[in-house]
Amino acid sequence: MKTENIEGLTLFEINLLIQQGGRFVMFPNLMTKLKSSTIYFVRPEEKIIKYALRHFLRIS
């Protein structure tokens, strides 16, 4: 599985962002169960819909 949106962040910075409300989100792959899903790191100030739209528009 690939994790998006953590480029350039250290483990300490990720932990800090999680304490501030950040989270990891995985959207289901509706096309096939064999293809692995991508995990997105959503920062505290971002909306999940941004990644949901990008994910579902990319696989359709």
Protein backbone atom coordinates (compact mmCIF):
# COMPACT_ATOMS: atom_id res chain seq x y z
CA MET A 1 0.00 0.00 0.00
CA LYS A 2 1.14 3.50 -0.78
CA THR A 3 0.76 6.45 1.60
CA GLU A 4 0.11 9.85 0.06
CA ASN A 5 0.71 13.31 1.54
CA ILE A 6 3.54 12.47 3.97
CA GLU A 7 6.42 13.47 1.70
CA GLY A 8 9.08 15.38 3.60
CA LEU A 9 7.56 14.78 7.05
CA THR A 10 9.49 13.13 9.85
CA LEU A 11 7.87 10.64 12.21
CA PHE A 12 7.91 13.32 14.91
CA GLU A 13 6.04 15.76 12.66
CA ILE A 14 3.46 13.11 11.73
CA ASN A 15 2.85 12.33 15.40
CA LEU A 16 2.47 16.04 16.14
CA LEU A 17 -0.04 16.48 13.30
CA ILE A 18 -2.02 13.45 14.54
CA GLN A 19 -2.22 14.99 18.02
CA GLN A 20 -3.59 18.15 16.36
CA GLY A 21 -6.32 16.21 14.53
CA GLY A 22 -4.61 14.72 11.48
CA ARG A 23 -5.55 11.19 10.44
CA PHE A 24 -4.87 8.42 7.98
CA VAL A 25 -7.76 7.55 5.66
CA MET A 26 -8.12 4.67 3.21
CA PHE A 27 -10.83 4.73 0.55
CA PRO A 28 -12.16 1.46 -0.87
CA ASN A 29 -11.23 0.50 -4.39
CA LEU A 30 -14.57 -0.11 -6.08
CA MET A 31 -13.20 -1.39 -9.39
CA THR A 32 -11.33 -4.47 -8.19
CA LYS A 33 -10.50 -6.07 -4.89
CA LEU A 34 -7.08 -7.18 -6.12
CA LYS A 35 -5.62 -3.71 -6.50
CA SER A 36 -4.28 -2.28 -3.27
CA SER A 37 -5.82 0.91 -1.95
CA THR A 38 -3.93 4.10 -1.28
CA ILE A 39 -3.72 5.51 2.23
CA TYR A 40 -3.99 9.28 2.51
CA PHE A 41 -2.72 11.38 5.39
CA VAL A 42 -5.20 14.19 5.99
CA ARG A 43 -3.71 17.12 7.87
CA PRO A 44 -5.76 18.83 10.60
CA GLU A 45 -6.64 21.86 8.44
CA GLU A 46 -7.64 19.82 5.36
CA LYS A 47 -10.99 18.33 4.36
CA ILE A 48 -11.31 14.63 3.54
CA ILE A 49 -13.47 15.39 0.50
CA LYS A 50 -10.37 16.73 -1.27
CA TYR A 51 -8.80 13.27 -1.23
CA ALA A 52 -12.06 11.38 -1.73
CA LEU A 53 -12.82 13.21 -4.98
CA ARG A 54 -9.26 12.76 -6.24
CA HIS A 55 -9.37 9.03 -5.41
CA PHE A 56 -12.74 8.26 -6.95
CA LEU A 57 -12.17 10.36 -10.07
CA ARG A 58 -8.78 8.70 -10.66
CA ILE A 59 -10.10 5.12 -10.61
CA SER A 60 -13.20 5.71 -12.72
